[in-house]
Amino acid sequence: MRKILFIIAIVSRTCFAQEQHTVEEGIFELVNYVRQEPTRFLTEVVQPYIKLNELENSSYAKSLTRTLQKQSALPPLARNTHLMEMAANYAAEAGKKGWTDHVRTDARFKKYAPEIEITGENLQFGSADALAVIMELLIDEGVHNLGHRKNILDPEFSLIGIGFGNHKTFDTIGVIVFGGFE
């Protein structure tokens, strides 16, 4: 009987912890996973995702595979409270107004984190799942310069801020801002 109660307690705690796990936290963990262990991320996450979503013929998915095969491990990004606030506020504003572009990005970085010298921003729309958000940004289908992927894997970035919310047109918006120092 004790074993059964112990197992129930563990399962309950695990389920409760998963409920408390936010999209922002999932994005944070996945970004650092791909940065720190690109080869493992490729085999454990990317390849199954590509197969499950029938993206084997996508040139962008194939490009991501090649990129991660060559990618060196990078240090993890640290959350920055100023960038977290910036991303959350922009997700709320852009979501409410239905924006789909990078609006006043430089001005926002100057307002929230003027000390940061190198900046980047990724926007993602329509996915409420952290894995779908990160995979869409890494595959970067239709983005010729692969800017979202490059931001996630940029060795010059050391800081991150993540905001997620509702969007007027696309249901959800994810905002990921990056910062670094020269």
N, C-alpha and C. Protein backbone atom coordinates (compact mmCIF):
# COMPACT_ATOMS: atom_id res chain seq x y z
N MET A 1 0.82 -1.20 0.00
CA MET A 1 0.00 0.00 0.00
C MET A 1 0.86 1.26 0.00
N ARG A 2 1.97 1.23 0.77
CA ARG A 2 2.86 2.40 0.81
C ARG A 2 3.45 2.71 -0.55
N LYS A 3 3.83 1.66 -1.29
CA LYS A 3 4.39 1.86 -2.63
C LYS A 3 3.38 2.54 -3.54
N ILE A 4 2.13 2.12 -3.47
CA ILE A 4 1.09 2.71 -4.31
C ILE A 4 0.89 4.18 -3.96
N LEU A 5 0.83 4.50 -2.67
CA LEU A 5 0.68 5.90 -2.24
C LEU A 5 1.89 6.73 -2.67
N PHE A 6 3.08 6.15 -2.57
CA PHE A 6 4.29 6.86 -2.98
C PHE A 6 4.25 7.16 -4.48
N ILE A 7 3.86 6.18 -5.28
CA ILE A 7 3.77 6.36 -6.74
C ILE A 7 2.72 7.41 -7.07
N ILE A 8 1.57 7.36 -6.39
CA ILE A 8 0.52 8.36 -6.63
C ILE A 8 1.04 9.75 -6.29
N ALA A 9 1.78 9.88 -5.20
CA ALA A 9 2.33 11.17 -4.80
C ALA A 9 3.30 11.70 -5.85
N ILE A 10 4.15 10.83 -6.37
CA ILE A 10 5.12 11.25 -7.40
C ILE A 10 4.39 11.67 -8.67
N VAL A 11 3.42 10.88 -9.10
CA VAL A 11 2.66 11.21 -10.30
C VAL A 11 1.92 12.53 -10.10
N SER A 12 1.31 12.73 -8.95
CA SER A 12 0.59 13.98 -8.66
C SER A 12 1.53 15.16 -8.70
N ARG A 13 2.68 15.03 -8.08
CA ARG A 13 3.66 16.12 -8.09
C ARG A 13 4.14 16.42 -9.50
N THR A 14 4.38 15.37 -10.28
CA THR A 14 4.82 15.55 -11.65
C THR A 14 3.76 16.25 -12.48
N CYS A 15 2.52 15.81 -12.34
CA CYS A 15 1.42 16.44 -13.09
C CYS A 15 1.26 17.89 -12.67
N PHE A 16 1.35 18.15 -11.37
CA PHE A 16 1.21 19.53 -10.90
C PHE A 16 2.34 20.39 -11.44
N ALA A 17 3.56 19.85 -11.44
CA ALA A 17 4.71 20.61 -11.95
C ALA A 17 4.53 20.90 -13.43
N GLN A 18 4.00 19.94 -14.19
CA GLN A 18 3.80 20.18 -15.61
C GLN A 18 2.75 21.24 -15.85
N GLU A 19 1.71 21.29 -15.01
CA GLU A 19 0.69 22.31 -15.16
C GLU A 19 1.28 23.70 -14.90
N GLN A 20 2.25 23.76 -14.00
CA GLN A 20 2.85 25.03 -13.65
C GLN A 20 3.91 25.46 -14.68
N HIS A 21 4.30 24.56 -15.55
CA HIS A 21 5.32 24.82 -16.55
C HIS A 21 4.72 25.73 -17.63
N THR A 22 5.25 26.92 -17.77
CA THR A 22 4.69 27.88 -18.73
C THR A 22 5.31 27.71 -20.10
N VAL A 23 4.66 28.27 -21.08
CA VAL A 23 5.22 28.28 -22.43
C VAL A 23 6.57 28.98 -22.43
N GLU A 24 6.65 30.10 -21.70
CA GLU A 24 7.92 30.85 -21.62
C GLU A 24 9.04 29.98 -21.07
N GLU A 25 8.74 29.22 -20.02
CA GLU A 25 9.75 28.33 -19.42
C GLU A 25 10.16 27.25 -20.42
N GLY A 26 9.20 26.69 -21.13
CA GLY A 26 9.51 25.68 -22.14
C GLY A 26 10.39 26.24 -23.25
N ILE A 27 10.09 27.44 -23.71
CA ILE A 27 10.91 28.09 -24.74
C ILE A 27 12.32 28.30 -24.22
N PHE A 28 12.43 28.80 -23.00
CA PHE A 28 13.74 29.03 -22.39
C PHE A 28 14.56 27.74 -22.36
N GLU A 29 13.95 26.66 -21.89
CA GLU A 29 14.65 25.38 -21.80
C GLU A 29 15.06 24.85 -23.18
N LEU A 30 14.18 24.96 -24.15
CA LEU A 30 14.49 24.46 -25.49
C LEU A 30 15.58 25.28 -26.17
N VAL A 31 15.54 26.59 -26.02
CA VAL A 31 16.59 27.43 -26.61
C VAL A 31 17.95 27.03 -26.02
N ASN A 32 18.00 26.87 -24.72
CA ASN A 32 19.28 26.50 -24.11
C ASN A 32 19.68 25.07 -24.43
N TYR A 33 18.73 24.19 -24.60
CA TYR A 33 19.03 22.81 -25.00
C TYR A 33 19.70 22.79 -26.38
N VAL A 34 19.11 23.47 -27.36
CA VAL A 34 19.70 23.45 -28.70
C VAL A 34 21.05 24.16 -28.71
N ARG A 35 21.22 25.17 -27.89
CA ARG A 35 22.51 25.88 -27.83
C ARG A 35 23.59 24.99 -27.19
N GLN A 36 23.26 24.33 -26.10
CA GLN A 36 24.25 23.58 -25.35
C GLN A 36 24.54 22.19 -25.92
N GLU A 37 23.52 21.57 -26.52
CA GLU A 37 23.68 20.21 -27.02
C GLU A 37 23.05 20.08 -28.41
N PRO A 38 23.61 20.76 -29.41
CA PRO A 38 22.97 20.76 -30.73
C PRO A 38 22.84 19.38 -31.37
N THR A 39 23.83 18.52 -31.22
CA THR A 39 23.77 17.19 -31.83
C THR A 39 22.69 16.35 -31.17
N ARG A 40 22.64 16.38 -29.85
CA ARG A 40 21.61 15.63 -29.13
C ARG A 40 20.22 16.20 -29.43
N PHE A 41 20.10 17.51 -29.48
CA PHE A 41 18.83 18.15 -29.81
C PHE A 41 18.37 17.70 -31.21
N LEU A 42 19.31 17.61 -32.13
CA LEU A 42 18.99 17.16 -33.49
C LEU A 42 18.39 15.76 -33.46
N THR A 43 19.04 14.83 -32.78
CA THR A 43 18.56 13.44 -32.79
C THR A 43 17.31 13.23 -31.93
N GLU A 44 17.23 13.92 -30.80
CA GLU A 44 16.12 13.67 -29.88
C GLU A 44 14.89 14.54 -30.14
N VAL A 45 15.09 15.70 -30.77
CA VAL A 45 13.97 16.62 -30.95
C VAL A 45 13.68 16.89 -32.42
N VAL A 46 14.68 17.35 -33.15
CA VAL A 46 14.46 17.80 -34.52
C VAL A 46 14.04 16.66 -35.44
N GLN A 47 14.81 15.59 -35.46
CA GLN A 47 14.49 14.50 -36.38
C GLN A 47 13.10 13.90 -36.13
N PRO A 48 12.72 13.63 -34.86
CA PRO A 48 11.35 13.15 -34.65
C PRO A 48 10.29 14.18 -35.04
N TYR A 49 10.55 15.46 -34.78
CA TYR A 49 9.61 16.51 -35.14
C TYR A 49 9.42 16.59 -36.65
N ILE A 50 10.52 16.53 -37.39
CA ILE A 50 10.46 16.57 -38.85
C ILE A 50 9.65 15.39 -39.38
N LYS A 51 9.91 14.21 -38.83
CA LYS A 51 9.18 13.02 -39.29
C LYS A 51 7.70 13.12 -38.95
N LEU A 52 7.39 13.48 -37.71
CA LEU A 52 6.00 13.58 -37.26
C LEU A 52 5.20 14.59 -38.07
N ASN A 53 5.84 15.68 -38.46
CA ASN A 53 5.17 16.75 -39.20
C ASN A 53 5.39 16.65 -40.71
N GLU A 54 5.94 15.52 -41.15
CA GLU A 54 6.14 15.23 -42.58
C GLU A 54 6.88 16.36 -43.30
N LEU A 55 8.00 16.76 -42.71
CA LEU A 55 8.81 17.85 -43.27
C LEU A 55 10.10 17.33 -43.91
N GLU A 56 10.16 16.04 -44.17
CA GLU A 56 11.39 15.44 -44.73
C GLU A 56 11.81 16.07 -46.04
N ASN A 57 10.87 16.58 -46.83
CA ASN A 57 11.20 17.17 -48.13
C ASN A 57 11.40 18.68 -48.08
N SER A 58 11.27 19.27 -46.90
CA SER A 58 11.46 20.72 -46.76
C SER A 58 12.95 21.06 -46.83
N SER A 59 13.30 21.93 -47.73
CA SER A 59 14.71 22.35 -47.83
C SER A 59 15.14 23.09 -46.56
N TYR A 60 14.20 23.75 -45.90
CA TYR A 60 14.53 24.47 -44.66
C TYR A 60 14.78 23.49 -43.52
N ALA A 61 14.02 22.40 -43.44
CA ALA A 61 14.24 21.38 -42.42
C ALA A 61 15.58 20.67 -42.67
N LYS A 62 15.89 20.41 -43.93
CA LYS A 62 17.17 19.79 -44.27
C LYS A 62 18.33 20.73 -43.91
N SER A 63 18.11 22.02 -44.15
CA SER A 63 19.12 23.02 -43.81
C SER A 63 19.36 23.05 -42.30
N LEU A 64 18.29 22.96 -41.52
CA LEU A 64 18.44 22.94 -40.06
C LEU A 64 19.24 21.72 -39.63
N THR A 65 18.97 20.58 -40.23
CA THR A 65 19.71 19.36 -39.91
C THR A 65 21.20 19.57 -40.17
N ARG A 66 21.54 20.13 -41.32
CA ARG A 66 22.96 20.38 -41.64
C ARG A 66 23.58 21.37 -40.65
N THR A 67 22.82 22.41 -40.32
CA THR A 67 23.33 23.43 -39.38
C THR A 67 23.65 22.79 -38.04
N LEU A 68 22.73 21.99 -37.50
CA LEU A 68 22.94 21.41 -36.18
C LEU A 68 24.02 20.33 -36.18
N GLN A 69 24.23 19.66 -37.31
CA GLN A 69 25.31 18.67 -37.40
C GLN A 69 26.67 19.34 -37.25
N LYS A 70 26.78 20.59 -37.71
CA LYS A 70 28.05 21.34 -37.66
C LYS A 70 28.16 22.26 -36.46
N GLN A 71 27.05 22.49 -35.77
CA GLN A 71 26.99 23.48 -34.71
C GLN A 71 27.81 23.07 -33.48
N SER A 72 28.67 23.97 -33.03
CA SER A 72 29.39 23.76 -31.78
C SER A 72 28.49 24.12 -30.61
N ALA A 73 28.77 23.52 -29.47
CA ALA A 73 28.02 23.84 -28.26
C ALA A 73 28.27 25.29 -27.87
N LEU A 74 27.22 25.94 -27.39
CA LEU A 74 27.28 27.34 -26.96
C LEU A 74 26.88 27.43 -25.49
N PRO A 75 27.31 28.49 -24.83
CA PRO A 75 26.86 28.68 -23.44
C PRO A 75 25.36 28.94 -23.40
N PRO A 76 24.73 28.60 -22.29
CA PRO A 76 23.30 28.88 -22.17
C PRO A 76 23.05 30.38 -22.07
N LEU A 77 21.85 30.78 -22.44
CA LEU A 77 21.44 32.17 -22.27
C LEU A 77 20.86 32.34 -20.87
N ALA A 78 21.10 33.48 -20.28
CA ALA A 78 20.55 33.79 -18.96
C ALA A 78 19.35 34.70 -19.12
N ARG A 79 18.32 34.47 -18.32
CA ARG A 79 17.18 35.37 -18.32
C ARG A 79 17.63 36.73 -17.80
N ASN A 80 17.09 37.77 -18.41
CA ASN A 80 17.36 39.12 -17.98
C ASN A 80 16.03 39.78 -17.66
N THR A 81 15.87 40.31 -16.46
CA THR A 81 14.57 40.84 -16.04
C THR A 81 14.10 41.97 -16.95
N HIS A 82 15.01 42.80 -17.43
CA HIS A 82 14.62 43.90 -18.31
C HIS A 82 14.12 43.37 -19.65
N LEU A 83 14.83 42.35 -20.17
CA LEU A 83 14.40 41.75 -21.44
C LEU A 83 13.11 40.96 -21.28
N MET A 84 12.94 40.33 -20.13
CA MET A 84 11.69 39.61 -19.88
C MET A 84 10.51 40.59 -19.87
N GLU A 85 10.70 41.71 -19.22
CA GLU A 85 9.65 42.74 -19.18
C GLU A 85 9.38 43.29 -20.58
N MET A 86 10.44 43.55 -21.33
CA MET A 86 10.30 44.06 -22.69
C MET A 86 9.50 43.08 -23.56
N ALA A 87 9.86 41.80 -23.50
CA ALA A 87 9.19 40.79 -24.32
C ALA A 87 7.73 40.63 -23.91
N ALA A 88 7.47 40.60 -22.61
CA ALA A 88 6.09 40.44 -22.13
C ALA A 88 5.23 41.63 -22.54
N ASN A 89 5.76 42.82 -22.39
CA ASN A 89 4.99 44.02 -22.74
C ASN A 89 4.73 44.10 -24.24
N TYR A 90 5.73 43.71 -25.04
CA TYR A 90 5.51 43.75 -26.48
C TYR A 90 4.53 42.68 -26.92
N ALA A 91 4.59 41.50 -26.30
CA ALA A 91 3.63 40.45 -26.63
C ALA A 91 2.21 40.94 -26.34
N ALA A 92 2.03 41.61 -25.22
CA ALA A 92 0.70 42.11 -24.86
C ALA A 92 0.23 43.21 -25.82
N GLU A 93 1.12 44.16 -26.12
CA GLU A 93 0.74 45.27 -27.00
C GLU A 93 0.50 44.80 -28.43
N ALA A 94 1.45 44.03 -28.97
CA ALA A 94 1.31 43.55 -30.35
C ALA A 94 0.10 42.62 -30.48
N GLY A 95 -0.12 41.80 -29.47
CA GLY A 95 -1.26 40.90 -29.50
C GLY A 95 -2.59 41.64 -29.51
N LYS A 96 -2.69 42.65 -28.67
CA LYS A 96 -3.92 43.44 -28.58
C LYS A 96 -4.19 44.22 -29.87
N LYS A 97 -3.13 44.77 -30.46
CA LYS A 97 -3.28 45.59 -31.66
C LYS A 97 -3.22 44.78 -32.95
N GLY A 98 -2.86 43.51 -32.86
CA GLY A 98 -2.79 42.66 -34.05
C GLY A 98 -1.53 42.85 -34.87
N TRP A 99 -0.50 43.42 -34.28
CA TRP A 99 0.76 43.64 -35.01
C TRP A 99 1.42 42.30 -35.32
N THR A 100 2.09 42.26 -36.47
CA THR A 100 2.85 41.07 -36.85
C THR A 100 4.29 41.40 -37.23
N ASP A 101 4.69 42.62 -36.98
CA ASP A 101 6.04 43.06 -37.34
C ASP A 101 6.82 43.48 -36.10
N HIS A 102 8.10 43.68 -36.32
CA HIS A 102 8.98 44.22 -35.29
C HIS A 102 8.76 45.74 -35.28
N VAL A 103 8.03 46.22 -34.30
CA VAL A 103 7.68 47.64 -34.23
C VAL A 103 8.53 48.32 -33.16
N ARG A 104 9.22 49.39 -33.54
CA ARG A 104 10.03 50.19 -32.62
C ARG A 104 11.03 49.34 -31.83
N THR A 105 11.64 48.37 -32.47
CA THR A 105 12.53 47.44 -31.77
C THR A 105 13.69 48.17 -31.11
N ASP A 106 14.39 49.01 -31.86
CA ASP A 106 15.53 49.73 -31.28
C ASP A 106 15.10 50.61 -30.11
N ALA A 107 13.98 51.29 -30.26
CA ALA A 107 13.49 52.15 -29.18
C ALA A 107 13.14 51.32 -27.94
N ARG A 108 12.58 50.16 -28.14
CA ARG A 108 12.23 49.30 -27.01
C ARG A 108 13.47 48.81 -26.28
N PHE A 109 14.51 48.41 -27.05
CA PHE A 109 15.76 48.00 -26.40
C PHE A 109 16.37 49.16 -25.62
N LYS A 110 16.35 50.36 -26.18
CA LYS A 110 16.90 51.52 -25.49
C LYS A 110 16.13 51.83 -24.21
N LYS A 111 14.81 51.64 -24.26
CA LYS A 111 13.98 51.92 -23.08
C LYS A 111 14.20 50.88 -21.98
N TYR A 112 14.17 49.61 -22.33
CA TYR A 112 14.19 48.54 -21.33
C TYR A 112 15.59 48.09 -20.92
N ALA A 113 16.53 48.12 -21.85
CA ALA A 113 17.87 47.58 -21.56
C ALA A 113 18.93 48.36 -22.33
N PRO A 114 19.12 49.64 -22.00
CA PRO A 114 20.07 50.47 -22.75
C PRO A 114 21.52 49.99 -22.64
N GLU A 115 21.83 49.20 -21.63
CA GLU A 115 23.20 48.72 -21.45
C GLU A 115 23.57 47.61 -22.43
N ILE A 116 22.59 46.98 -23.05
CA ILE A 116 22.85 45.86 -23.95
C ILE A 116 23.30 46.40 -25.31
N GLU A 117 24.40 45.85 -25.80
CA GLU A 117 25.03 46.36 -27.01
C GLU A 117 24.63 45.62 -28.29
N ILE A 118 24.37 44.33 -28.18
CA ILE A 118 24.00 43.51 -29.34
C ILE A 118 22.59 42.99 -29.08
N THR A 119 21.70 43.19 -30.04
CA THR A 119 20.30 42.84 -29.82
C THR A 119 19.71 42.04 -30.98
N GLY A 120 18.67 41.30 -30.67
CA GLY A 120 17.93 40.56 -31.68
C GLY A 120 16.54 40.26 -31.16
N GLU A 121 15.62 40.00 -32.08
CA GLU A 121 14.25 39.71 -31.68
C GLU A 121 13.63 38.69 -32.64
N ASN A 122 12.97 37.69 -32.08
CA ASN A 122 12.19 36.72 -32.85
C ASN A 122 10.73 36.84 -32.46
N LEU A 123 9.86 36.81 -33.46
CA LEU A 123 8.42 36.78 -33.23
C LEU A 123 7.87 35.51 -33.85
N GLN A 124 6.91 34.89 -33.16
CA GLN A 124 6.28 33.69 -33.67
C GLN A 124 4.79 33.80 -33.37
N PHE A 125 3.96 33.38 -34.30
CA PHE A 125 2.51 33.53 -34.18
C PHE A 125 1.80 32.19 -34.37
N GLY A 126 0.78 31.96 -33.55
CA GLY A 126 -0.14 30.87 -33.77
C GLY A 126 0.15 29.55 -33.09
N SER A 127 1.23 29.42 -32.37
CA SER A 127 1.53 28.17 -31.67
C SER A 127 1.49 28.40 -30.17
N ALA A 128 0.76 27.55 -29.47
CA ALA A 128 0.65 27.66 -28.02
C ALA A 128 1.55 26.65 -27.31
N ASP A 129 2.39 25.98 -28.06
CA ASP A 129 3.25 24.94 -27.53
C ASP A 129 4.71 25.37 -27.71
N ALA A 130 5.51 25.29 -26.66
CA ALA A 130 6.90 25.74 -26.71
C ALA A 130 7.69 25.03 -27.80
N LEU A 131 7.51 23.74 -27.94
CA LEU A 131 8.25 22.99 -28.96
C LEU A 131 7.89 23.48 -30.35
N ALA A 132 6.62 23.68 -30.63
CA ALA A 132 6.20 24.16 -31.95
C ALA A 132 6.77 25.55 -32.21
N VAL A 133 6.79 26.40 -31.19
CA VAL A 133 7.36 27.75 -31.35
C VAL A 133 8.82 27.66 -31.75
N ILE A 134 9.60 26.90 -30.99
CA ILE A 134 11.05 26.81 -31.24
C ILE A 134 11.34 26.12 -32.57
N MET A 135 10.61 25.07 -32.88
CA MET A 135 10.86 24.37 -34.14
C MET A 135 10.52 25.24 -35.34
N GLU A 136 9.44 26.01 -35.25
CA GLU A 136 9.10 26.91 -36.35
C GLU A 136 10.21 27.94 -36.55
N LEU A 137 10.73 28.47 -35.45
CA LEU A 137 11.79 29.48 -35.56
C LEU A 137 13.10 28.88 -36.05
N LEU A 138 13.42 27.67 -35.63
CA LEU A 138 14.66 27.02 -36.08
C LEU A 138 14.57 26.59 -37.54
N ILE A 139 13.45 26.03 -37.95
CA ILE A 139 13.30 25.63 -39.35
C ILE A 139 13.27 26.88 -40.22
N ASP A 140 12.54 27.90 -39.78
CA ASP A 140 12.52 29.21 -40.43
C ASP A 140 12.05 29.13 -41.89
N GLU A 141 11.04 28.29 -42.12
CA GLU A 141 10.49 28.10 -43.46
C GLU A 141 10.11 29.43 -44.10
N GLY A 142 10.64 29.68 -45.30
CA GLY A 142 10.32 30.88 -46.05
C GLY A 142 11.11 32.12 -45.66
N VAL A 143 11.96 32.02 -44.63
CA VAL A 143 12.78 33.16 -44.21
C VAL A 143 14.17 32.93 -44.82
N HIS A 144 14.43 33.65 -45.90
CA HIS A 144 15.63 33.38 -46.69
C HIS A 144 16.93 33.61 -45.94
N ASN A 145 16.97 34.56 -45.02
CA ASN A 145 18.22 34.81 -44.30
C ASN A 145 18.32 33.97 -43.01
N LEU A 146 17.31 33.16 -42.72
CA LEU A 146 17.28 32.29 -41.54
C LEU A 146 17.56 33.08 -40.26
N GLY A 147 17.05 34.29 -40.20
CA GLY A 147 17.32 35.19 -39.08
C GLY A 147 16.89 34.68 -37.73
N HIS A 148 15.76 33.98 -37.66
CA HIS A 148 15.30 33.46 -36.37
C HIS A 148 16.26 32.38 -35.86
N ARG A 149 16.64 31.47 -36.76
CA ARG A 149 17.58 30.41 -36.40
C ARG A 149 18.92 31.01 -35.97
N LYS A 150 19.38 31.99 -36.75
CA LYS A 150 20.67 32.62 -36.43
C LYS A 150 20.64 33.30 -35.07
N ASN A 151 19.53 33.94 -34.72
CA ASN A 151 19.44 34.56 -33.40
C ASN A 151 19.55 33.52 -32.29
N ILE A 152 18.84 32.42 -32.44
CA ILE A 152 18.86 31.38 -31.40
C ILE A 152 20.27 30.80 -31.23
N LEU A 153 21.00 30.68 -32.32
CA LEU A 153 22.32 30.05 -32.29
C LEU A 153 23.48 31.05 -32.33
N ASP A 154 23.20 32.31 -32.11
CA ASP A 154 24.24 33.34 -32.17
C ASP A 154 25.12 33.29 -30.92
N PRO A 155 26.42 33.06 -31.09
CA PRO A 155 27.31 32.97 -29.92
C PRO A 155 27.52 34.31 -29.21
N GLU A 156 27.17 35.42 -29.87
CA GLU A 156 27.34 36.72 -29.23
C GLU A 156 26.24 37.04 -28.23
N PHE A 157 25.13 36.32 -28.29
CA PHE A 157 24.06 36.55 -27.34
C PHE A 157 24.32 35.79 -26.05
N SER A 158 24.07 36.44 -24.93
CA SER A 158 24.22 35.81 -23.62
C SER A 158 22.97 35.96 -22.76
N LEU A 159 22.03 36.82 -23.19
CA LEU A 159 20.83 37.11 -22.41
C LEU A 159 19.58 36.87 -23.25
N ILE A 160 18.49 36.58 -22.55
CA ILE A 160 17.23 36.32 -23.24
C ILE A 160 16.06 36.86 -22.41
N GLY A 161 15.03 37.28 -23.13
CA GLY A 161 13.76 37.64 -22.53
C GLY A 161 12.66 37.01 -23.36
N ILE A 162 11.64 36.47 -22.72
CA ILE A 162 10.58 35.75 -23.43
C ILE A 162 9.23 36.24 -22.95
N GLY A 163 8.36 36.56 -23.91
CA GLY A 163 6.99 36.93 -23.59
C GLY A 163 6.05 36.13 -24.47
N PHE A 164 4.92 35.78 -23.94
CA PHE A 164 3.97 34.98 -24.68
C PHE A 164 2.57 35.44 -24.31
N GLY A 165 1.69 35.52 -25.30
CA GLY A 165 0.34 35.96 -24.99
C GLY A 165 -0.63 35.71 -26.12
N ASN A 166 -1.80 36.28 -25.96
CA ASN A 166 -2.85 36.16 -26.97
C ASN A 166 -2.62 37.16 -28.09
N HIS A 167 -3.06 36.79 -29.29
CA HIS A 167 -2.93 37.67 -30.45
C HIS A 167 -4.29 37.80 -31.11
N LYS A 168 -4.61 39.02 -31.47
CA LYS A 168 -5.91 39.38 -32.06
C LYS A 168 -6.24 38.55 -33.31
N THR A 169 -5.25 38.30 -34.15
CA THR A 169 -5.47 37.60 -35.41
C THR A 169 -5.02 36.15 -35.38
N PHE A 170 -3.89 35.88 -34.76
CA PHE A 170 -3.28 34.55 -34.83
C PHE A 170 -3.40 33.74 -33.55
N ASP A 171 -4.28 34.12 -32.66
CA ASP A 171 -4.50 33.44 -31.37
C ASP A 171 -3.36 33.66 -30.37
N THR A 172 -2.11 33.40 -30.79
CA THR A 172 -1.00 33.55 -29.86
C THR A 172 0.15 34.32 -30.50
N ILE A 173 0.98 34.90 -29.63
CA ILE A 173 2.22 35.55 -30.06
C ILE A 173 3.32 35.18 -29.07
N GLY A 174 4.46 34.81 -29.62
CA GLY A 174 5.64 34.58 -28.82
C GLY A 174 6.69 35.61 -29.20
N VAL A 175 7.27 36.25 -28.20
CA VAL A 175 8.32 37.24 -28.42
C VAL A 175 9.56 36.78 -27.67
N ILE A 176 10.64 36.64 -28.40
CA ILE A 176 11.92 36.26 -27.79
C ILE A 176 12.92 37.35 -28.15
N VAL A 177 13.48 38.00 -27.14
CA VAL A 177 14.48 39.03 -27.37
C VAL A 177 15.83 38.55 -26.83
N PHE A 178 16.87 38.91 -27.53
CA PHE A 178 18.22 38.45 -27.20
C PHE A 178 19.12 39.65 -26.97
N GLY A 179 20.09 39.49 -26.10
CA GLY A 179 21.03 40.56 -25.86
C GLY A 179 22.42 40.02 -25.62
N GLY A 180 23.39 40.90 -25.89
CA GLY A 180 24.78 40.54 -25.64
C GLY A 180 25.65 41.77 -25.56
N PHE A 181 26.91 41.55 -25.33
CA PHE A 181 27.87 42.64 -25.18
C PHE A 181 29.06 42.40 -26.09
N GLU A 182 29.58 43.47 -26.63
CA GLU A 182 30.73 43.35 -27.54
C GLU A 182 32.01 43.10 -26.78
